[in-house]
N, C-alpha and C. Protein backbone atom coordinates (compact mmCIF):
# COMPACT_ATOMS: atom_id res chain seq x y z
N UNK A 1 200.88 273.38 -25.89
CA UNK A 1 200.64 274.27 -24.80
C UNK A 1 200.76 273.48 -23.48
N UNK A 2 201.24 274.12 -22.46
CA UNK A 2 201.45 273.48 -21.17
C UNK A 2 200.09 273.34 -20.47
N UNK A 3 199.86 272.18 -19.86
CA UNK A 3 198.57 271.94 -19.22
C UNK A 3 198.45 272.76 -17.92
N UNK A 4 197.21 272.91 -17.48
CA UNK A 4 196.94 273.67 -16.26
C UNK A 4 197.53 272.99 -15.03
N UNK A 5 197.59 271.67 -15.05
CA UNK A 5 198.14 270.95 -13.91
C UNK A 5 199.64 271.23 -13.76
N UNK A 6 200.36 271.34 -14.87
CA UNK A 6 201.79 271.64 -14.81
C UNK A 6 202.00 273.05 -14.28
N UNK A 7 201.23 274.00 -14.78
CA UNK A 7 201.33 275.39 -14.31
C UNK A 7 200.98 275.46 -12.82
N UNK A 8 199.93 274.76 -12.43
CA UNK A 8 199.55 274.73 -11.01
C UNK A 8 200.64 274.13 -10.15
N UNK A 9 201.28 273.08 -10.62
CA UNK A 9 202.37 272.47 -9.88
C UNK A 9 203.56 273.40 -9.73
N UNK A 10 203.86 274.15 -10.78
CA UNK A 10 204.96 275.12 -10.70
C UNK A 10 204.65 276.24 -9.71
N UNK A 11 203.42 276.77 -9.77
CA UNK A 11 203.02 277.82 -8.82
C UNK A 11 203.12 277.29 -7.39
N UNK A 12 202.60 276.09 -7.17
CA UNK A 12 202.62 275.47 -5.84
C UNK A 12 204.06 275.34 -5.34
N UNK A 13 204.93 274.77 -6.15
CA UNK A 13 206.31 274.51 -5.73
C UNK A 13 207.10 275.80 -5.51
N UNK A 14 206.99 276.75 -6.43
CA UNK A 14 207.76 277.99 -6.33
C UNK A 14 207.37 278.77 -5.08
N UNK A 15 206.08 278.92 -4.83
CA UNK A 15 205.68 279.71 -3.67
C UNK A 15 205.92 278.98 -2.36
N UNK A 16 205.90 277.67 -2.37
CA UNK A 16 206.24 276.92 -1.17
C UNK A 16 207.72 277.11 -0.84
N UNK A 17 208.57 277.08 -1.86
CA UNK A 17 210.01 277.32 -1.65
C UNK A 17 210.26 278.75 -1.17
N UNK A 18 209.57 279.72 -1.80
CA UNK A 18 209.72 281.12 -1.38
C UNK A 18 209.33 281.27 0.09
N UNK A 19 208.23 280.63 0.48
CA UNK A 19 207.76 280.73 1.86
C UNK A 19 208.79 280.16 2.84
N UNK A 20 209.35 279.01 2.53
CA UNK A 20 210.33 278.39 3.43
C UNK A 20 211.61 279.23 3.50
N UNK A 21 212.12 279.67 2.36
CA UNK A 21 213.36 280.46 2.34
C UNK A 21 213.16 281.80 3.04
N UNK A 22 212.06 282.48 2.77
CA UNK A 22 211.83 283.78 3.38
C UNK A 22 211.68 283.64 4.90
N UNK A 23 210.96 282.60 5.34
CA UNK A 23 210.80 282.38 6.78
C UNK A 23 212.15 282.10 7.43
N UNK A 24 212.98 281.30 6.79
CA UNK A 24 214.31 281.01 7.33
C UNK A 24 215.18 282.26 7.41
N UNK A 25 215.14 283.09 6.38
CA UNK A 25 215.96 284.31 6.35
C UNK A 25 215.49 285.30 7.42
N UNK A 26 214.20 285.40 7.61
CA UNK A 26 213.67 286.36 8.58
C UNK A 26 213.93 285.91 10.02
N UNK A 27 213.73 284.64 10.32
CA UNK A 27 213.75 284.20 11.71
C UNK A 27 215.04 283.49 12.14
N UNK A 28 215.90 283.09 11.23
CA UNK A 28 217.15 282.43 11.59
C UNK A 28 218.23 283.51 11.73
N UNK A 29 218.71 283.75 12.95
CA UNK A 29 219.58 284.91 13.21
C UNK A 29 220.83 285.04 12.32
N UNK A 30 221.56 283.96 12.02
CA UNK A 30 222.74 284.19 11.17
C UNK A 30 222.40 284.70 9.77
N UNK A 31 221.21 284.37 9.29
CA UNK A 31 220.84 284.85 7.96
C UNK A 31 220.22 286.24 7.99
N UNK A 32 219.64 286.62 9.10
CA UNK A 32 218.98 287.92 9.20
C UNK A 32 220.00 289.01 9.49
N UNK A 33 219.63 290.22 9.15
CA UNK A 33 220.50 291.37 9.43
C UNK A 33 220.56 291.60 10.94
N UNK A 34 221.65 292.12 11.40
CA UNK A 34 221.87 292.30 12.84
C UNK A 34 220.90 293.33 13.43
N UNK A 35 220.45 294.30 12.67
CA UNK A 35 219.63 295.38 13.20
C UNK A 35 218.20 295.33 12.66
N UNK A 36 217.69 294.17 12.43
CA UNK A 36 216.33 294.08 11.89
C UNK A 36 215.33 294.45 12.98
N UNK A 37 214.27 295.07 12.56
CA UNK A 37 213.24 295.53 13.49
C UNK A 37 212.14 294.47 13.53
N UNK A 38 211.74 294.11 14.73
CA UNK A 38 210.76 293.04 14.90
C UNK A 38 209.44 293.36 14.21
N UNK A 39 209.01 294.59 14.29
CA UNK A 39 207.73 294.95 13.68
C UNK A 39 207.76 294.75 12.16
N UNK A 40 208.84 295.13 11.53
CA UNK A 40 208.97 294.94 10.08
C UNK A 40 209.04 293.46 9.74
N UNK A 41 209.70 292.70 10.57
CA UNK A 41 209.77 291.26 10.34
C UNK A 41 208.37 290.64 10.35
N UNK A 42 207.61 291.02 11.37
CA UNK A 42 206.28 290.43 11.51
C UNK A 42 205.39 290.82 10.33
N UNK A 43 205.39 292.10 9.96
CA UNK A 43 204.56 292.56 8.84
C UNK A 43 204.99 291.89 7.54
N UNK A 44 206.28 291.88 7.28
CA UNK A 44 206.77 291.24 6.06
C UNK A 44 206.43 289.76 6.04
N UNK A 45 206.62 289.11 7.18
CA UNK A 45 206.35 287.67 7.25
C UNK A 45 204.87 287.38 7.03
N UNK A 46 203.99 288.17 7.64
CA UNK A 46 202.55 287.97 7.47
C UNK A 46 202.14 288.19 6.02
N UNK A 47 202.67 289.23 5.39
CA UNK A 47 202.34 289.48 3.99
C UNK A 47 202.82 288.35 3.07
N UNK A 48 204.04 287.91 3.27
CA UNK A 48 204.57 286.85 2.42
C UNK A 48 203.81 285.55 2.67
N UNK A 49 203.50 285.24 3.93
CA UNK A 49 202.75 284.02 4.23
C UNK A 49 201.35 284.10 3.62
N UNK A 50 200.71 285.26 3.72
CA UNK A 50 199.36 285.42 3.15
C UNK A 50 199.34 285.24 1.64
N UNK A 51 200.24 285.92 0.95
CA UNK A 51 200.30 285.81 -0.51
C UNK A 51 200.71 284.39 -0.92
N UNK A 52 201.66 283.83 -0.20
CA UNK A 52 202.09 282.46 -0.51
C UNK A 52 200.97 281.46 -0.27
N UNK A 53 200.22 281.65 0.78
CA UNK A 53 199.11 280.74 1.06
C UNK A 53 198.07 280.78 -0.06
N UNK A 54 197.77 281.97 -0.55
CA UNK A 54 196.82 282.10 -1.66
C UNK A 54 197.39 281.43 -2.92
N UNK A 55 198.66 281.68 -3.21
CA UNK A 55 199.28 281.10 -4.39
C UNK A 55 199.39 279.58 -4.27
N UNK A 56 199.72 279.08 -3.07
CA UNK A 56 199.80 277.63 -2.86
C UNK A 56 198.42 277.01 -3.04
N UNK A 57 197.39 277.65 -2.49
CA UNK A 57 196.03 277.15 -2.65
C UNK A 57 195.62 277.13 -4.12
N UNK A 58 195.93 278.20 -4.85
CA UNK A 58 195.62 278.25 -6.27
C UNK A 58 196.34 277.13 -7.02
N UNK A 59 197.59 276.92 -6.74
CA UNK A 59 198.33 275.84 -7.38
C UNK A 59 197.75 274.48 -7.05
N UNK A 60 197.37 274.28 -5.78
CA UNK A 60 196.78 273.00 -5.38
C UNK A 60 195.45 272.75 -6.09
N UNK A 61 194.63 273.79 -6.20
CA UNK A 61 193.35 273.65 -6.89
C UNK A 61 193.58 273.30 -8.36
N UNK A 62 194.56 273.95 -8.98
CA UNK A 62 194.85 273.66 -10.39
C UNK A 62 195.39 272.25 -10.57
N UNK A 63 196.14 271.75 -9.60
CA UNK A 63 196.68 270.39 -9.69
C UNK A 63 195.57 269.36 -9.50
N UNK A 64 194.72 269.58 -8.51
CA UNK A 64 193.77 268.54 -8.11
C UNK A 64 192.43 268.57 -8.84
N UNK A 65 192.15 269.62 -9.59
CA UNK A 65 190.87 269.70 -10.30
C UNK A 65 190.95 268.91 -11.61
N UNK A 66 189.94 268.08 -11.83
CA UNK A 66 189.89 267.32 -13.07
C UNK A 66 189.53 268.25 -14.22
N UNK A 67 190.13 268.04 -15.39
CA UNK A 67 189.82 268.91 -16.53
C UNK A 67 188.37 268.72 -16.98
N UNK A 68 187.78 269.78 -17.46
CA UNK A 68 186.41 269.74 -17.95
C UNK A 68 186.43 269.20 -19.38
N UNK A 69 185.71 268.12 -19.59
CA UNK A 69 185.64 267.51 -20.92
C UNK A 69 184.33 267.97 -21.56
N UNK A 70 184.41 268.64 -22.70
CA UNK A 70 183.17 269.08 -23.33
C UNK A 70 182.33 267.89 -23.78
N UNK A 71 181.04 268.02 -23.60
CA UNK A 71 180.13 266.95 -23.97
C UNK A 71 179.84 267.04 -25.46
N UNK A 72 180.10 265.94 -26.17
CA UNK A 72 179.84 265.92 -27.61
C UNK A 72 178.37 265.63 -27.85
N UNK A 73 177.72 266.54 -28.53
CA UNK A 73 176.31 266.35 -28.88
C UNK A 73 176.23 266.19 -30.39
N UNK A 74 175.66 265.09 -30.87
CA UNK A 74 175.55 264.91 -32.31
C UNK A 74 174.56 265.92 -32.89
N UNK A 75 174.95 266.47 -34.02
CA UNK A 75 174.08 267.45 -34.67
C UNK A 75 172.98 266.72 -35.42
N UNK A 76 171.74 267.16 -35.24
CA UNK A 76 170.62 266.58 -35.94
C UNK A 76 170.23 267.52 -37.07
N UNK A 77 169.97 266.95 -38.25
CA UNK A 77 169.59 267.82 -39.36
C UNK A 77 168.21 268.43 -39.07
N UNK A 78 168.01 269.67 -39.48
CA UNK A 78 166.72 270.31 -39.23
C UNK A 78 165.63 269.62 -40.04
N UNK A 79 164.46 269.46 -39.42
CA UNK A 79 163.33 268.84 -40.12
C UNK A 79 162.40 269.94 -40.58
N UNK A 80 161.92 269.79 -41.78
CA UNK A 80 160.98 270.77 -42.33
C UNK A 80 159.59 270.15 -42.33
N UNK A 81 158.59 270.96 -42.15
CA UNK A 81 157.22 270.44 -42.12
C UNK A 81 156.53 270.76 -43.43
N UNK A 82 155.60 269.87 -43.80
CA UNK A 82 154.80 270.09 -45.00
C UNK A 82 153.50 270.76 -44.58
N UNK A 83 152.66 271.05 -45.54
CA UNK A 83 151.40 271.72 -45.23
C UNK A 83 150.45 270.82 -44.45
N UNK A 84 150.63 269.50 -44.50
CA UNK A 84 149.77 268.57 -43.78
C UNK A 84 150.22 268.39 -42.34
N UNK A 85 151.35 268.92 -41.97
CA UNK A 85 151.84 268.81 -40.60
C UNK A 85 152.80 267.66 -40.41
N UNK A 86 152.92 266.75 -41.38
CA UNK A 86 153.90 265.67 -41.27
C UNK A 86 155.27 266.23 -41.58
N UNK A 87 156.27 265.56 -41.06
CA UNK A 87 157.62 266.00 -41.37
C UNK A 87 157.99 265.55 -42.77
N UNK A 88 158.99 266.16 -43.30
CA UNK A 88 159.42 265.84 -44.65
C UNK A 88 160.25 264.57 -44.71
N UNK A 89 160.32 263.85 -43.63
CA UNK A 89 161.13 262.64 -43.59
C UNK A 89 160.29 261.41 -43.87
N UNK A 90 159.30 261.53 -44.71
CA UNK A 90 158.51 260.37 -45.10
C UNK A 90 157.36 260.10 -44.17
N UNK A 91 156.85 261.12 -43.50
CA UNK A 91 155.71 260.94 -42.62
C UNK A 91 156.06 260.38 -41.26
N UNK A 92 157.33 260.21 -40.96
CA UNK A 92 157.74 259.68 -39.67
C UNK A 92 157.97 260.85 -38.74
N UNK A 93 157.29 260.84 -37.62
CA UNK A 93 157.41 261.92 -36.66
C UNK A 93 158.48 261.56 -35.63
N UNK A 94 159.18 262.56 -35.14
CA UNK A 94 160.19 262.32 -34.13
C UNK A 94 159.57 262.25 -32.74
N UNK A 95 158.28 262.60 -32.61
CA UNK A 95 157.60 262.54 -31.33
C UNK A 95 156.98 261.17 -31.15
N UNK A 96 156.95 260.68 -29.92
CA UNK A 96 156.36 259.36 -29.69
C UNK A 96 154.84 259.41 -29.90
N UNK A 97 154.31 258.32 -30.39
CA UNK A 97 152.87 258.26 -30.63
C UNK A 97 152.18 257.67 -29.42
N UNK A 98 150.98 258.16 -29.16
CA UNK A 98 150.19 257.65 -28.05
C UNK A 98 149.27 256.55 -28.56
N UNK A 99 148.59 255.89 -27.66
CA UNK A 99 147.67 254.81 -28.03
C UNK A 99 146.52 255.33 -28.86
N UNK A 100 146.03 256.52 -28.56
CA UNK A 100 144.91 257.10 -29.32
C UNK A 100 145.33 257.40 -30.76
N UNK A 101 146.56 257.91 -30.93
CA UNK A 101 147.02 258.21 -32.27
C UNK A 101 147.19 256.93 -33.09
N UNK A 102 147.62 255.85 -32.46
CA UNK A 102 147.80 254.58 -33.15
C UNK A 102 146.45 254.03 -33.58
N UNK A 103 145.43 254.13 -32.76
CA UNK A 103 144.10 253.66 -33.12
C UNK A 103 143.51 254.48 -34.26
N UNK A 104 143.74 255.81 -34.24
CA UNK A 104 143.24 256.68 -35.30
C UNK A 104 143.84 256.31 -36.65
N UNK A 105 145.11 255.94 -36.68
CA UNK A 105 145.79 255.61 -37.92
C UNK A 105 145.28 254.28 -38.47
N UNK A 106 144.89 253.32 -37.62
CA UNK A 106 144.41 252.02 -38.07
C UNK A 106 143.02 252.15 -38.70
N UNK A 107 142.22 253.08 -38.27
CA UNK A 107 140.86 253.24 -38.82
C UNK A 107 140.91 253.96 -40.10
């Protein structure tokens, strides 16, 4: 599958080219039609520039954003408790012991 950066680069490049070519065709007299209406030129130019700006921005964001790497979390086996409250892992608790609990066990 094609990466997001490649797709973003294509969007960026294509719309940048469209923007330059369309601007040249609209405002460069030999390329423009002889009877073009200024109001239509301005509206068309603003619409194309607006859409191109959004597409260029989207492409730039896709190019420059670092990919999200999922965080690997190791799976821990479920612990079962016995009737005495100790875990079934040989009486070893996963919780840290306090000083009072250590003294109680020594007595």
